[in-house]
PDB file of N, CA and C in Angstrom:
ATOM      1  N   UNK A   1      32.970 -26.200  45.954  1.00  0.00           N
ATOM      2  CA  UNK A   1      33.601 -26.595  44.707  1.00  0.00           C
ATOM      3  C   UNK A   1      34.268 -25.361  44.102  1.00  0.00           C
ATOM      4  N   UNK A   2      35.517 -25.495  43.716  1.00  0.00           N
ATOM      5  CA  UNK A   2      36.239 -24.378  43.101  1.00  0.00           C
ATOM      6  C   UNK A   2      35.729 -24.154  41.686  1.00  0.00           C
ATOM      7  N   UNK A   3      35.822 -22.928  41.221  1.00  0.00           N
ATOM      8  CA  UNK A   3      35.277 -22.600  39.902  1.00  0.00           C
ATOM      9  C   UNK A   3      35.930 -23.389  38.784  1.00  0.00           C
ATOM     10  N   UNK A   4      37.204 -23.737  38.909  1.00  0.00           N
ATOM     11  CA  UNK A   4      37.884 -24.504  37.882  1.00  0.00           C
ATOM     12  C   UNK A   4      37.364 -25.937  37.782  1.00  0.00           C
ATOM     13  N   UNK A   5      36.743 -26.419  38.843  1.00  0.00           N
ATOM     14  CA  UNK A   5      36.261 -27.795  38.863  1.00  0.00           C
ATOM     15  C   UNK A   5      34.946 -27.959  38.123  1.00  0.00           C
ATOM     16  N   UNK A   6      34.163 -26.918  38.003  1.00  0.00           N
ATOM     17  CA  UNK A   6      32.856 -27.060  37.360  1.00  0.00           C
ATOM     18  C   UNK A   6      32.835 -26.512  35.937  1.00  0.00           C
ATOM     19  N   UNK A   7      33.994 -26.248  35.372  1.00  0.00           N
ATOM     20  CA  UNK A   7      34.055 -25.829  33.976  1.00  0.00           C
ATOM     21  C   UNK A   7      33.883 -24.345  33.740  1.00  0.00           C
ATOM     22  N   UNK A   8      33.810 -23.524  34.768  1.00  0.00           N
ATOM     23  CA  UNK A   8      33.633 -22.084  34.569  1.00  0.00           C
ATOM     24  C   UNK A   8      34.932 -21.313  34.749  1.00  0.00           C
ATOM     25  N   UNK A   9      36.047 -22.017  34.863  1.00  0.00           N
ATOM     26  CA  UNK A   9      37.329 -21.345  35.056  1.00  0.00           C
ATOM     27  C   UNK A   9      37.635 -20.336  33.968  1.00  0.00           C
ATOM     28  N   UNK A  10      37.230 -20.627  32.732  1.00  0.00           N
ATOM     29  CA  UNK A  10      37.450 -19.697  31.630  1.00  0.00           C
ATOM     30  C   UNK A  10      36.704 -18.398  31.825  1.00  0.00           C
ATOM     31  N   UNK A  11      35.502 -18.501  32.368  1.00  0.00           N
ATOM     32  CA  UNK A  11      34.719 -17.290  32.635  1.00  0.00           C
ATOM     33  C   UNK A  11      35.377 -16.462  33.728  1.00  0.00           C
ATOM     34  N   UNK A  12      35.911 -17.150  34.747  1.00  0.00           N
ATOM     35  CA  UNK A  12      36.603 -16.441  35.817  1.00  0.00           C
ATOM     36  C   UNK A  12      37.831 -15.719  35.282  1.00  0.00           C
ATOM     37  N   UNK A  13      38.595 -16.391  34.423  1.00  0.00           N
ATOM     38  CA  UNK A  13      39.803 -15.774  33.849  1.00  0.00           C
ATOM     39  C   UNK A  13      39.419 -14.559  33.012  1.00  0.00           C
ATOM     40  N   UNK A  14      38.351 -14.669  32.227  1.00  0.00           N
ATOM     41  CA  UNK A  14      37.894 -13.554  31.404  1.00  0.00           C
ATOM     42  C   UNK A  14      37.481 -12.386  32.278  1.00  0.00           C
ATOM     43  N   UNK A  15      36.737 -12.665  33.343  1.00  0.00           N
ATOM     44  CA  UNK A  15      36.299 -11.603  34.253  1.00  0.00           C
ATOM     45  C   UNK A  15      37.503 -10.922  34.904  1.00  0.00           C
ATOM     46  N   UNK A  16      38.479 -11.705  35.335  1.00  0.00           N
ATOM     47  CA  UNK A  16      39.668 -11.119  35.956  1.00  0.00           C
ATOM     48  C   UNK A  16      40.462 -10.290  34.961  1.00  0.00           C
ATOM     49  N   UNK A  17      40.561 -10.757  33.717  1.00  0.00           N
ATOM     50  CA  UNK A  17      41.241  -9.974  32.685  1.00  0.00           C
ATOM     51  C   UNK A  17      40.534  -8.657  32.438  1.00  0.00           C
ATOM     52  N   UNK A  18      39.199  -8.675  32.427  1.00  0.00           N
ATOM     53  CA  UNK A  18      38.431  -7.445  32.220  1.00  0.00           C
ATOM     54  C   UNK A  18      38.617  -6.491  33.392  1.00  0.00           C
ATOM     55  N   UNK A  19      38.672  -7.031  34.606  1.00  0.00           N
ATOM     56  CA  UNK A  19      38.900  -6.192  35.789  1.00  0.00           C
ATOM     57  C   UNK A  19      40.288  -5.564  35.720  1.00  0.00           C
ATOM     58  N   UNK A  20      41.300  -6.359  35.342  1.00  0.00           N
ATOM     59  CA  UNK A  20      42.661  -5.831  35.204  1.00  0.00           C
ATOM     60  C   UNK A  20      42.721  -4.736  34.151  1.00  0.00           C
ATOM     61  N   UNK A  21      42.080  -4.970  33.015  1.00  0.00           N
ATOM     62  CA  UNK A  21      42.076  -3.985  31.940  1.00  0.00           C
ATOM     63  C   UNK A  21      41.402  -2.697  32.390  1.00  0.00           C
ATOM     64  N   UNK A  22      40.275  -2.822  33.062  1.00  0.00           N
ATOM     65  CA  UNK A  22      39.578  -1.639  33.560  1.00  0.00           C
ATOM     66  C   UNK A  22      40.468  -0.855  34.519  1.00  0.00           C
ATOM     67  N   UNK A  23      41.153  -1.568  35.387  1.00  0.00           N
ATOM     68  CA  UNK A  23      42.074  -0.908  36.318  1.00  0.00           C
ATOM     69  C   UNK A  23      43.189  -0.172  35.604  1.00  0.00           C
ATOM     70  N   UNK A  24      43.768  -0.810  34.597  1.00  0.00           N
ATOM     71  CA  UNK A  24      44.846  -0.169  33.844  1.00  0.00           C
ATOM     72  C   UNK A  24      44.350   1.069  33.101  1.00  0.00           C
ATOM     73  N   UNK A  25      43.143   0.989  32.549  1.00  0.00           N
ATOM     74  CA  UNK A  25      42.578   2.162  31.875  1.00  0.00           C
ATOM     75  C   UNK A  25      42.278   3.280  32.871  1.00  0.00           C
ATOM     76  N   UNK A  26      41.818   2.920  34.067  1.00  0.00           N
ATOM     77  CA  UNK A  26      41.544   3.936  35.095  1.00  0.00           C
ATOM     78  C   UNK A  26      42.834   4.618  35.543  1.00  0.00           C
ATOM     79  N   UNK A  27      43.897   3.835  35.683  1.00  0.00           N
ATOM     80  CA  UNK A  27      45.189   4.415  36.060  1.00  0.00           C
ATOM     81  C   UNK A  27      45.677   5.366  34.972  1.00  0.00           C
ATOM     82  N   UNK A  28      45.560   4.941  33.714  1.00  0.00           N
ATOM     83  CA  UNK A  28      45.982   5.800  32.602  1.00  0.00           C
ATOM     84  C   UNK A  28      45.146   7.081  32.572  1.00  0.00           C
ATOM     85  N   UNK A  29      43.844   6.957  32.818  1.00  0.00           N
ATOM     86  CA  UNK A  29      42.969   8.132  32.800  1.00  0.00           C
ATOM     87  C   UNK A  29      43.311   9.084  33.938  1.00  0.00           C
ATOM     88  N   UNK A  30      43.615   8.539  35.105  1.00  0.00           N
ATOM     89  CA  UNK A  30      43.928   9.414  36.241  1.00  0.00           C
ATOM     90  C   UNK A  30      45.279  10.099  36.066  1.00  0.00           C
ATOM     91  N   UNK A  31      46.177   9.496  35.299  1.00  0.00           N
ATOM     92  CA  UNK A  31      47.487  10.097  35.054  1.00  0.00           C
ATOM     93  C   UNK A  31      47.442  11.144  33.945  1.00  0.00           C
ATOM     94  N   UNK A  32      46.361  11.145  33.197  1.00  0.00           N
ATOM     95  CA  UNK A  32      46.228  12.082  32.078  1.00  0.00           C
ATOM     96  C   UNK A  32      45.671  13.412  32.568  1.00  0.00           C
ATOM     97  N   UNK A  33      46.142  14.485  31.978  1.00  0.00           N
ATOM     98  CA  UNK A  33      45.623  15.810  32.334  1.00  0.00           C
ATOM     99  C   UNK A  33      44.353  16.141  31.555  1.00  0.00           C
ATOM    100  N   UNK A  34      44.114  15.394  30.491  1.00  0.00           N
ATOM    101  CA  UNK A  34      42.935  15.640  29.656  1.00  0.00           C
ATOM    102  C   UNK A  34      41.683  15.123  30.354  1.00  0.00           C
ATOM    103  N   UNK A  35      40.531  15.647  29.948  1.00  0.00           N
ATOM    104  CA  UNK A  35      39.263  15.199  30.523  1.00  0.00           C
ATOM    105  C   UNK A  35      38.964  13.754  30.143  1.00  0.00           C
ATOM    106  N   UNK A  36      39.364  13.384  28.922  1.00  0.00           N
ATOM    107  CA  UNK A  36      39.142  12.030  28.419  1.00  0.00           C
ATOM    108  C   UNK A  36      40.421  11.501  27.797  1.00  0.00           C
ATOM    109  N   UNK A  37      40.585  10.190  27.820  1.00  0.00           N
ATOM    110  CA  UNK A  37      41.729   9.586  27.137  1.00  0.00           C
ATOM    111  C   UNK A  37      41.482   9.612  25.639  1.00  0.00           C
ATOM    112  N   UNK A  38      42.503   9.970  24.905  1.00  0.00           N
ATOM    113  CA  UNK A  38      42.422   9.927  23.448  1.00  0.00           C
ATOM    114  C   UNK A  38      42.470   8.466  23.004  1.00  0.00           C
ATOM    115  N   UNK A  39      41.944   8.191  21.843  1.00  0.00           N
ATOM    116  CA  UNK A  39      41.947   6.822  21.311  1.00  0.00           C
ATOM    117  C   UNK A  39      43.366   6.262  21.259  1.00  0.00           C
ATOM    118  N   UNK A  40      44.336   7.098  20.948  1.00  0.00           N
ATOM    119  CA  UNK A  40      45.729   6.654  20.885  1.00  0.00           C
ATOM    120  C   UNK A  40      46.220   6.211  22.262  1.00  0.00           C
ATOM    121  N   UNK A  41      45.815   6.922  23.303  1.00  0.00           N
ATOM    122  CA  UNK A  41      46.216   6.546  24.661  1.00  0.00           C
ATOM    123  C   UNK A  41      45.575   5.219  25.069  1.00  0.00           C
ATOM    124  N   UNK A  42      44.327   5.034  24.706  1.00  0.00           N
ATOM    125  CA  UNK A  42      43.650   3.765  25.003  1.00  0.00           C
ATOM    126  C   UNK A  42      44.343   2.634  24.272  1.00  0.00           C
ATOM    127  N   UNK A  43      44.687   2.860  23.011  1.00  0.00           N
ATOM    128  CA  UNK A  43      45.396   1.845  22.234  1.00  0.00           C
ATOM    129  C   UNK A  43      46.724   1.484  22.883  1.00  0.00           C
ATOM    130  N   UNK A  44      47.439   2.473  23.411  1.00  0.00           N
ATOM    131  CA  UNK A  44      48.712   2.208  24.072  1.00  0.00           C
ATOM    132  C   UNK A  44      48.515   1.272  25.262  1.00  0.00           C
ATOM    133  N   UNK A  45      47.475   1.520  26.048  1.00  0.00           N
ATOM    134  CA  UNK A  45      47.199   0.660  27.203  1.00  0.00           C
ATOM    135  C   UNK A  45      46.851  -0.748  26.738  1.00  0.00           C
ATOM    136  N   UNK A  46      46.003  -0.849  25.727  1.00  0.00           N
ATOM    137  CA  UNK A  46      45.593  -2.159  25.233  1.00  0.00           C
ATOM    138  C   UNK A  46      46.766  -2.918  24.629  1.00  0.00           C
ATOM    139  N   UNK A  47      47.592  -2.236  23.847  1.00  0.00           N
ATOM    140  CA  UNK A  47      48.723  -2.900  23.203  1.00  0.00           C
ATOM    141  C   UNK A  47      49.796  -3.294  24.207  1.00  0.00           C
ATOM    142  N   UNK A  48      49.945  -2.537  25.286  1.00  0.00           N
ATOM    143  CA  UNK A  48      50.926  -2.872  26.315  1.00  0.00           C
ATOM    144  C   UNK A  48      50.580  -4.197  26.976  1.00  0.00           C
ATOM    145  N   UNK A  49      49.307  -4.548  27.012  1.00  0.00           N
ATOM    146  CA  UNK A  49      48.868  -5.816  27.610  1.00  0.00           C
ATOM    147  C   UNK A  49      49.175  -7.004  26.710  1.00  0.00           C
ATOM    148  N   UNK A  50      49.427  -6.774  25.430  1.00  0.00           N
ATOM    149  CA  UNK A  50      49.621  -7.870  24.483  1.00  0.00           C
ATOM    150  C   UNK A  50      51.088  -8.079  24.149  1.00  0.00           C
ATOM    151  N   UNK A  51      51.944  -7.966  25.142  1.00  0.00           N
ATOM    152  CA  UNK A  51      53.357  -8.221  24.929  1.00  0.00           C
ATOM    153  C   UNK A  51      53.604  -9.706  24.724  1.00  0.00           C
ATOM    154  N   UNK A  52      54.853 -10.106  24.513  1.00  0.00           N
ATOM    155  CA  UNK A  52      55.169 -11.522  24.275  1.00  0.00           C
ATOM    156  C   UNK A  52      54.752 -12.420  25.430  1.00  0.00           C
ATOM    157  N   UNK A  53      54.791 -11.885  26.653  1.00  0.00           N
ATOM    158  CA  UNK A  53      54.404 -12.681  27.812  1.00  0.00           C
ATOM    159  C   UNK A  53      52.897 -12.761  27.987  1.00  0.00           C
ATOM    160  N   UNK A  54      52.123 -11.923  27.270  1.00  0.00           N
ATOM    161  CA  UNK A  54      50.669 -11.931  27.380  1.00  0.00           C
ATOM    162  C   UNK A  54      50.078 -12.039  25.983  1.00  0.00           C
ATOM    163  N   UNK A  55      49.861 -13.253  25.496  1.00  0.00           N
ATOM    164  CA  UNK A  55      49.273 -13.414  24.157  1.00  0.00           C
ATOM    165  C   UNK A  55      47.855 -12.873  24.122  1.00  0.00           C
ATOM    166  N   UNK A  56      47.376 -12.658  22.905  1.00  0.00           N
ATOM    167  CA  UNK A  56      46.029 -12.100  22.740  1.00  0.00           C
ATOM    168  C   UNK A  56      44.997 -12.967  23.418  1.00  0.00           C
ATOM    169  N   UNK A  57      45.042 -14.262  23.246  1.00  0.00           N
ATOM    170  CA  UNK A  57      44.109 -15.194  23.880  1.00  0.00           C
ATOM    171  C   UNK A  57      44.911 -16.325  24.480  1.00  0.00           C
ATOM    172  N   UNK A  58      44.939 -16.407  25.806  1.00  0.00           N
ATOM    173  CA  UNK A  58      45.678 -17.515  26.416  1.00  0.00           C
ATOM    174  C   UNK A  58      45.019 -18.841  26.087  1.00  0.00           C
ATOM    175  N   UNK A  59      45.839 -19.845  25.837  1.00  0.00           N
ATOM    176  CA  UNK A  59      45.302 -21.160  25.503  1.00  0.00           C
ATOM    177  C   UNK A  59      45.285 -22.001  26.764  1.00  0.00           C
ATOM    178  N   UNK A  60      44.101 -22.427  27.167  1.00  0.00           N
ATOM    179  CA  UNK A  60      43.930 -23.257  28.375  1.00  0.00           C
ATOM    180  C   UNK A  60      43.321 -24.573  28.002  1.00  0.00           C
TER     181      UNK A  60
END
């Protein structure tokens, strides 16, 4: 049975979004020369994900 069939599709989407976000933060961290990302850099990554094509919460 596919995950969307048993009502857990939302959980799968949330998990995939978290994995994508973690990946984007890791890429930003590896591109930075600093030991840690500044809060402003983290905000840039987070805000870049919330463009017009990616609403804050997708409606399913």
